[in-house]
Amino acid sequence: MDFIVYLSAYLNGFTAGMLVGVLSWLIYGTFNPLGFNVGILFACASSEVLYAVAGHITRTREVESVLDLAVGNGLSAAVSTILYDIITNISYMLIFHVKPMLALIMGLPFMAIHVISNTAIFIIATPVMVLLSKT
């Protein structure tokens, strides 16, 4: 979902990306197979907006080369994913009364995988999708 939100904002502006992110989380969070939790829903839906911000900012940058585009998308992915995971891990800790060190230990492996995969996806898929949107 992160890349779809990012790409929506990259191609269509911040408002489109924000709407895709929040509406997607409203649907997924309401029908979550692990159960509904309004605090988690709020944390995830509002944090997903970070990807819309990143997509919008990256789109407005001057791009001088393919490498510049890849670096911009990679940095956007890494920063927005780290912020998203910090916010959602803190929310998890507060909502479920989990001790901070335990929440950190439980969250770090997922965070590492999330940051690495989003960075790779954003670097590879953004230029492809931008080119496809122009055809």
N, C-alpha and C. Protein backbone atom coordinates (compact mmCIF):
# COMPACT_ATOMS: atom_id res chain seq x y z
N MET A 1 0.82 -1.19 0.00
CA MET A 1 0.00 0.00 0.00
C MET A 1 0.87 1.26 0.00
N ASP A 2 2.04 1.20 0.64
CA ASP A 2 2.90 2.38 0.75
C ASP A 2 3.27 2.93 -0.61
N PHE A 3 3.67 2.04 -1.51
CA PHE A 3 4.08 2.50 -2.84
C PHE A 3 2.91 3.09 -3.61
N ILE A 4 1.73 2.52 -3.47
CA ILE A 4 0.55 3.04 -4.17
C ILE A 4 0.24 4.46 -3.70
N VAL A 5 0.35 4.69 -2.41
CA VAL A 5 0.12 6.04 -1.86
C VAL A 5 1.18 7.00 -2.38
N TYR A 6 2.45 6.58 -2.32
CA TYR A 6 3.56 7.39 -2.80
C TYR A 6 3.37 7.73 -4.28
N LEU A 7 3.08 6.71 -5.08
CA LEU A 7 2.91 6.91 -6.51
C LEU A 7 1.71 7.80 -6.82
N SER A 8 0.63 7.64 -6.08
CA SER A 8 -0.55 8.49 -6.27
C SER A 8 -0.20 9.96 -6.07
N ALA A 9 0.56 10.24 -5.02
CA ALA A 9 0.97 11.63 -4.77
C ALA A 9 2.00 12.09 -5.79
N TYR A 10 2.91 11.21 -6.17
CA TYR A 10 3.93 11.55 -7.15
C TYR A 10 3.29 11.93 -8.48
N LEU A 11 2.29 11.18 -8.90
CA LEU A 11 1.66 11.41 -10.21
C LEU A 11 0.54 12.45 -10.17
N ASN A 12 -0.19 12.50 -9.05
CA ASN A 12 -1.42 13.30 -9.02
C ASN A 12 -1.47 14.36 -7.92
N GLY A 13 -0.43 14.49 -7.13
CA GLY A 13 -0.38 15.51 -6.10
C GLY A 13 -0.71 14.97 -4.72
N PHE A 14 -0.41 15.81 -3.72
CA PHE A 14 -0.55 15.41 -2.33
C PHE A 14 -1.97 14.96 -1.96
N THR A 15 -2.97 15.71 -2.37
CA THR A 15 -4.34 15.38 -1.98
C THR A 15 -4.74 14.00 -2.46
N ALA A 16 -4.41 13.67 -3.69
CA ALA A 16 -4.73 12.33 -4.21
C ALA A 16 -4.03 11.25 -3.40
N GLY A 17 -2.75 11.45 -3.11
CA GLY A 17 -2.01 10.47 -2.32
C GLY A 17 -2.56 10.32 -0.92
N MET A 18 -2.90 11.44 -0.30
CA MET A 18 -3.46 11.41 1.05
C MET A 18 -4.78 10.64 1.06
N LEU A 19 -5.64 10.93 0.10
CA LEU A 19 -6.94 10.24 0.03
C LEU A 19 -6.78 8.74 -0.19
N VAL A 20 -5.86 8.36 -1.06
CA VAL A 20 -5.61 6.93 -1.30
C VAL A 20 -5.14 6.26 -0.01
N GLY A 21 -4.22 6.90 0.70
CA GLY A 21 -3.69 6.32 1.93
C GLY A 21 -4.72 6.20 3.03
N VAL A 22 -5.44 7.26 3.29
CA VAL A 22 -6.42 7.25 4.39
C VAL A 22 -7.59 6.33 4.06
N LEU A 23 -8.10 6.41 2.85
CA LEU A 23 -9.23 5.55 2.49
C LEU A 23 -8.84 4.07 2.47
N SER A 24 -7.63 3.78 2.01
CA SER A 24 -7.16 2.39 2.02
C SER A 24 -7.09 1.85 3.45
N TRP A 25 -6.56 2.67 4.36
CA TRP A 25 -6.48 2.22 5.74
C TRP A 25 -7.85 2.13 6.40
N LEU A 26 -8.76 3.01 6.02
CA LEU A 26 -10.11 2.90 6.58
C LEU A 26 -10.76 1.58 6.19
N ILE A 27 -10.53 1.16 4.96
CA ILE A 27 -11.09 -0.13 4.51
C ILE A 27 -10.35 -1.28 5.17
N TYR A 28 -9.02 -1.29 5.04
CA TYR A 28 -8.24 -2.40 5.60
C TYR A 28 -8.36 -2.46 7.12
N GLY A 29 -8.25 -1.31 7.77
CA GLY A 29 -8.30 -1.28 9.23
C GLY A 29 -9.64 -1.70 9.80
N THR A 30 -10.70 -1.42 9.08
CA THR A 30 -12.03 -1.81 9.53
C THR A 30 -12.24 -3.31 9.37
N PHE A 31 -11.74 -3.87 8.30
CA PHE A 31 -11.93 -5.30 8.03
C PHE A 31 -10.64 -6.10 8.27
N ASN A 32 -9.78 -5.62 9.14
CA ASN A 32 -8.51 -6.27 9.44
C ASN A 32 -8.75 -7.67 9.99
N PRO A 33 -8.13 -8.68 9.41
CA PRO A 33 -8.34 -10.05 9.90
C PRO A 33 -7.86 -10.25 11.35
N LEU A 34 -6.99 -9.37 11.83
CA LEU A 34 -6.52 -9.47 13.21
C LEU A 34 -7.44 -8.73 14.18
N GLY A 35 -8.47 -8.09 13.66
CA GLY A 35 -9.42 -7.38 14.51
C GLY A 35 -9.32 -5.87 14.35
N PHE A 36 -10.37 -5.21 14.75
CA PHE A 36 -10.48 -3.76 14.64
C PHE A 36 -9.99 -3.10 15.92
N ASN A 37 -9.17 -2.04 15.77
CA ASN A 37 -8.73 -1.25 16.91
C ASN A 37 -8.65 0.19 16.43
N VAL A 38 -9.46 1.06 17.00
CA VAL A 38 -9.54 2.44 16.51
C VAL A 38 -8.21 3.18 16.67
N GLY A 39 -7.47 2.90 17.75
CA GLY A 39 -6.18 3.56 17.94
C GLY A 39 -5.17 3.18 16.88
N ILE A 40 -5.09 1.89 16.59
CA ILE A 40 -4.19 1.42 15.54
C ILE A 40 -4.62 1.96 14.18
N LEU A 41 -5.92 1.94 13.93
CA LEU A 41 -6.45 2.48 12.67
C LEU A 41 -6.05 3.94 12.50
N PHE A 42 -6.24 4.74 13.55
CA PHE A 42 -5.88 6.16 13.48
C PHE A 42 -4.38 6.33 13.25
N ALA A 43 -3.57 5.58 13.99
CA ALA A 43 -2.11 5.70 13.86
C ALA A 43 -1.65 5.33 12.46
N CYS A 44 -2.17 4.23 11.93
CA CYS A 44 -1.74 3.77 10.61
C CYS A 44 -2.26 4.68 9.49
N ALA A 45 -3.53 5.07 9.57
CA ALA A 45 -4.10 5.92 8.52
C ALA A 45 -3.43 7.28 8.48
N SER A 46 -3.20 7.87 9.65
CA SER A 46 -2.57 9.19 9.66
C SER A 46 -1.09 9.10 9.28
N SER A 47 -0.43 8.01 9.66
CA SER A 47 0.99 7.84 9.31
C SER A 47 1.18 7.53 7.83
N GLU A 48 0.20 6.91 7.21
CA GLU A 48 0.29 6.59 5.77
C GLU A 48 0.40 7.87 4.95
N VAL A 49 -0.08 8.97 5.50
CA VAL A 49 0.00 10.26 4.81
C VAL A 49 1.46 10.67 4.59
N LEU A 50 2.37 10.13 5.41
CA LEU A 50 3.79 10.43 5.21
C LEU A 50 4.26 10.04 3.81
N TYR A 51 3.71 8.95 3.29
CA TYR A 51 4.09 8.51 1.94
C TYR A 51 3.56 9.48 0.89
N ALA A 52 2.40 10.08 1.14
CA ALA A 52 1.87 11.09 0.22
C ALA A 52 2.75 12.34 0.25
N VAL A 53 3.18 12.72 1.43
CA VAL A 53 4.09 13.87 1.56
C VAL A 53 5.39 13.59 0.80
N ALA A 54 5.93 12.39 1.01
CA ALA A 54 7.19 12.02 0.34
C ALA A 54 7.03 12.01 -1.18
N GLY A 55 5.94 11.44 -1.67
CA GLY A 55 5.70 11.41 -3.11
C GLY A 55 5.58 12.80 -3.70
N HIS A 56 4.86 13.66 -3.00
CA HIS A 56 4.68 15.03 -3.49
C HIS A 56 6.00 15.80 -3.50
N ILE A 57 6.76 15.67 -2.42
CA ILE A 57 8.05 16.38 -2.35
C ILE A 57 9.02 15.87 -3.41
N THR A 58 9.09 14.56 -3.57
CA THR A 58 10.01 13.98 -4.55
C THR A 58 9.64 14.41 -5.96
N ARG A 59 8.36 14.51 -6.23
CA ARG A 59 7.90 14.92 -7.56
C ARG A 59 8.34 16.34 -7.89
N THR A 60 8.38 17.20 -6.90
CA THR A 60 8.68 18.61 -7.15
C THR A 60 10.18 18.90 -7.23
N ARG A 61 11.02 17.90 -6.98
CA ARG A 61 12.48 18.08 -7.06
C ARG A 61 12.94 18.16 -8.51
N GLU A 62 14.01 18.87 -8.71
CA GLU A 62 14.69 18.90 -10.01
C GLU A 62 15.44 17.58 -10.16
N VAL A 63 15.18 16.86 -11.24
CA VAL A 63 15.86 15.59 -11.49
C VAL A 63 16.77 15.76 -12.69
N GLU A 64 18.06 15.51 -12.47
CA GLU A 64 19.03 15.72 -13.55
C GLU A 64 19.49 14.42 -14.20
N SER A 65 19.25 13.29 -13.54
CA SER A 65 19.69 12.01 -14.11
C SER A 65 18.86 10.88 -13.52
N VAL A 66 19.01 9.70 -14.09
CA VAL A 66 18.33 8.52 -13.58
C VAL A 66 18.83 8.21 -12.17
N LEU A 67 20.13 8.41 -11.94
CA LEU A 67 20.70 8.19 -10.62
C LEU A 67 20.10 9.15 -9.60
N ASP A 68 19.93 10.40 -10.01
CA ASP A 68 19.31 11.40 -9.13
C ASP A 68 17.87 11.00 -8.78
N LEU A 69 17.15 10.49 -9.76
CA LEU A 69 15.78 10.02 -9.52
C LEU A 69 15.78 8.84 -8.56
N ALA A 70 16.69 7.90 -8.76
CA ALA A 70 16.77 6.72 -7.89
C ALA A 70 17.12 7.11 -6.46
N VAL A 71 18.08 8.01 -6.30
CA VAL A 71 18.48 8.45 -4.96
C VAL A 71 17.32 9.18 -4.28
N GLY A 72 16.63 10.03 -5.01
CA GLY A 72 15.48 10.75 -4.43
C GLY A 72 14.38 9.80 -3.99
N ASN A 73 14.06 8.84 -4.84
CA ASN A 73 13.02 7.87 -4.47
C ASN A 73 13.46 6.99 -3.30
N GLY A 74 14.73 6.60 -3.30
CA GLY A 74 15.25 5.77 -2.21
C GLY A 74 15.25 6.50 -0.88
N LEU A 75 15.71 7.75 -0.89
CA LEU A 75 15.70 8.54 0.35
C LEU A 75 14.28 8.78 0.84
N SER A 76 13.38 9.09 -0.08
CA SER A 76 11.98 9.30 0.29
C SER A 76 11.39 8.05 0.93
N ALA A 77 11.70 6.90 0.34
CA ALA A 77 11.19 5.64 0.87
C ALA A 77 11.75 5.37 2.26
N ALA A 78 13.05 5.50 2.41
CA ALA A 78 13.69 5.18 3.69
C ALA A 78 13.20 6.11 4.80
N VAL A 79 13.19 7.41 4.55
CA VAL A 79 12.78 8.36 5.59
C VAL A 79 11.31 8.19 5.95
N SER A 80 10.44 8.11 4.95
CA SER A 80 9.01 8.00 5.26
C SER A 80 8.68 6.67 5.94
N THR A 81 9.37 5.59 5.57
CA THR A 81 9.12 4.29 6.19
C THR A 81 9.63 4.26 7.62
N ILE A 82 10.80 4.84 7.87
CA ILE A 82 11.31 4.90 9.24
C ILE A 82 10.36 5.70 10.13
N LEU A 83 9.91 6.85 9.65
CA LEU A 83 8.96 7.65 10.44
C LEU A 83 7.65 6.91 10.66
N TYR A 84 7.14 6.27 9.62
CA TYR A 84 5.90 5.50 9.73
C TYR A 84 6.05 4.41 10.79
N ASP A 85 7.14 3.67 10.73
CA ASP A 85 7.33 2.57 11.68
C ASP A 85 7.54 3.06 13.10
N ILE A 86 8.24 4.17 13.28
CA ILE A 86 8.40 4.73 14.63
C ILE A 86 7.05 5.11 15.21
N ILE A 87 6.25 5.81 14.42
CA ILE A 87 4.92 6.25 14.90
C ILE A 87 4.03 5.06 15.21
N THR A 88 3.99 4.09 14.32
CA THR A 88 3.10 2.95 14.55
C THR A 88 3.61 2.06 15.69
N ASN A 89 4.93 1.93 15.86
CA ASN A 89 5.46 1.16 16.99
C ASN A 89 5.18 1.84 18.32
N ILE A 90 5.30 3.15 18.36
CA ILE A 90 4.96 3.88 19.59
C ILE A 90 3.47 3.75 19.88
N SER A 91 2.65 3.83 18.85
CA SER A 91 1.21 3.67 19.03
C SER A 91 0.89 2.28 19.58
N TYR A 92 1.51 1.26 19.01
CA TYR A 92 1.32 -0.12 19.49
C TYR A 92 1.71 -0.22 20.97
N MET A 93 2.84 0.36 21.31
CA MET A 93 3.32 0.32 22.69
C MET A 93 2.32 0.98 23.64
N LEU A 94 1.81 2.13 23.26
CA LEU A 94 0.89 2.87 24.13
C LEU A 94 -0.49 2.20 24.21
N ILE A 95 -1.01 1.76 23.08
CA ILE A 95 -2.35 1.19 23.04
C ILE A 95 -2.43 -0.14 23.78
N PHE A 96 -1.39 -0.97 23.60
CA PHE A 96 -1.41 -2.31 24.20
C PHE A 96 -0.56 -2.41 25.46
N HIS A 97 -0.08 -1.27 25.97
CA HIS A 97 0.68 -1.21 27.22
C HIS A 97 1.89 -2.16 27.21
N VAL A 98 2.64 -2.09 26.13
CA VAL A 98 3.84 -2.92 25.96
C VAL A 98 5.03 -2.09 26.44
N LYS A 99 5.93 -2.71 27.15
CA LYS A 99 7.11 -2.01 27.63
C LYS A 99 7.94 -1.53 26.44
N PRO A 100 8.52 -0.31 26.54
CA PRO A 100 9.25 0.26 25.40
C PRO A 100 10.34 -0.64 24.83
N MET A 101 11.14 -1.26 25.68
CA MET A 101 12.23 -2.11 25.18
C MET A 101 11.68 -3.32 24.43
N LEU A 102 10.61 -3.90 24.94
CA LEU A 102 9.99 -5.04 24.28
C LEU A 102 9.41 -4.63 22.93
N ALA A 103 8.75 -3.47 22.89
CA ALA A 103 8.19 -2.97 21.62
C ALA A 103 9.30 -2.73 20.61
N LEU A 104 10.43 -2.20 21.08
CA LEU A 104 11.56 -1.96 20.19
C LEU A 104 12.13 -3.27 19.65
N ILE A 105 12.32 -4.24 20.53
CA ILE A 105 12.85 -5.54 20.11
C ILE A 105 11.91 -6.22 19.12
N MET A 106 10.61 -6.13 19.39
CA MET A 106 9.63 -6.76 18.50
C MET A 106 9.50 -6.02 17.18
N GLY A 107 9.67 -4.71 17.21
CA GLY A 107 9.46 -3.91 16.01
C GLY A 107 10.65 -3.79 15.08
N LEU A 108 11.86 -3.92 15.61
CA LEU A 108 13.06 -3.70 14.78
C LEU A 108 13.20 -4.64 13.59
N PRO A 109 12.98 -5.94 13.74
CA PRO A 109 13.12 -6.81 12.55
C PRO A 109 12.12 -6.44 11.45
N PHE A 110 10.88 -6.18 11.82
CA PHE A 110 9.89 -5.76 10.82
C PHE A 110 10.30 -4.44 10.20
N MET A 111 10.77 -3.52 11.02
CA MET A 111 11.15 -2.20 10.52
C MET A 111 12.29 -2.33 9.50
N ALA A 112 13.27 -3.16 9.79
CA ALA A 112 14.40 -3.35 8.87
C ALA A 112 13.91 -3.89 7.52
N ILE A 113 13.08 -4.92 7.56
CA ILE A 113 12.54 -5.50 6.32
C ILE A 113 11.68 -4.47 5.58
N HIS A 114 10.88 -3.72 6.33
CA HIS A 114 9.98 -2.73 5.74
C HIS A 114 10.78 -1.63 5.04
N VAL A 115 11.81 -1.12 5.68
CA VAL A 115 12.62 -0.04 5.10
C VAL A 115 13.37 -0.54 3.86
N ILE A 116 13.99 -1.70 3.96
CA ILE A 116 14.76 -2.24 2.83
C ILE A 116 13.84 -2.53 1.63
N SER A 117 12.71 -3.17 1.89
CA SER A 117 11.82 -3.52 0.77
C SER A 117 11.19 -2.28 0.15
N ASN A 118 10.72 -1.33 0.98
CA ASN A 118 10.14 -0.11 0.42
C ASN A 118 11.18 0.67 -0.40
N THR A 119 12.39 0.75 0.11
CA THR A 119 13.44 1.48 -0.62
C THR A 119 13.68 0.85 -1.99
N ALA A 120 13.79 -0.46 -2.02
CA ALA A 120 14.01 -1.15 -3.29
C ALA A 120 12.82 -0.96 -4.24
N ILE A 121 11.62 -1.11 -3.71
CA ILE A 121 10.41 -0.96 -4.54
C ILE A 121 10.32 0.45 -5.09
N PHE A 122 10.53 1.46 -4.26
CA PHE A 122 10.41 2.84 -4.71
C PHE A 122 11.46 3.17 -5.76
N ILE A 123 12.70 2.69 -5.58
CA ILE A 123 13.77 2.96 -6.53
C ILE A 123 13.48 2.32 -7.89
N ILE A 124 13.03 1.08 -7.87
CA ILE A 124 12.82 0.34 -9.11
C ILE A 124 11.49 0.68 -9.78
N ALA A 125 10.42 0.71 -9.00
CA ALA A 125 9.08 0.81 -9.59
C ALA A 125 8.65 2.23 -9.95
N THR A 126 9.13 3.24 -9.25
CA THR A 126 8.68 4.60 -9.55
C THR A 126 8.99 5.01 -10.99
N PRO A 127 10.24 4.89 -11.46
CA PRO A 127 10.50 5.29 -12.84
C PRO A 127 9.68 4.49 -13.85
N VAL A 128 9.51 3.20 -13.59
CA VAL A 128 8.73 2.37 -14.50
C VAL A 128 7.29 2.85 -14.56
N MET A 129 6.69 3.08 -13.41
CA MET A 129 5.29 3.51 -13.36
C MET A 129 5.10 4.91 -13.94
N VAL A 130 6.07 5.79 -13.72
CA VAL A 130 5.99 7.13 -14.29
C VAL A 130 6.03 7.05 -15.82
N LEU A 131 6.92 6.22 -16.34
CA LEU A 131 6.99 6.06 -17.79
C LEU A 131 5.70 5.44 -18.34
N LEU A 132 5.18 4.44 -17.66
CA LEU A 132 3.93 3.81 -18.10
C LEU A 132 2.74 4.78 -18.05
N SER A 133 2.76 5.69 -17.10
CA SER A 133 1.65 6.64 -16.98
C SER A 133 1.64 7.65 -18.13
N LYS A 134 2.79 7.80 -18.80
CA LYS A 134 2.90 8.76 -19.89
C LYS A 134 2.58 8.14 -21.25
N THR A 135 2.33 6.83 -21.28
CA THR A 135 2.04 6.19 -22.57
C THR A 135 0.56 6.06 -22.80
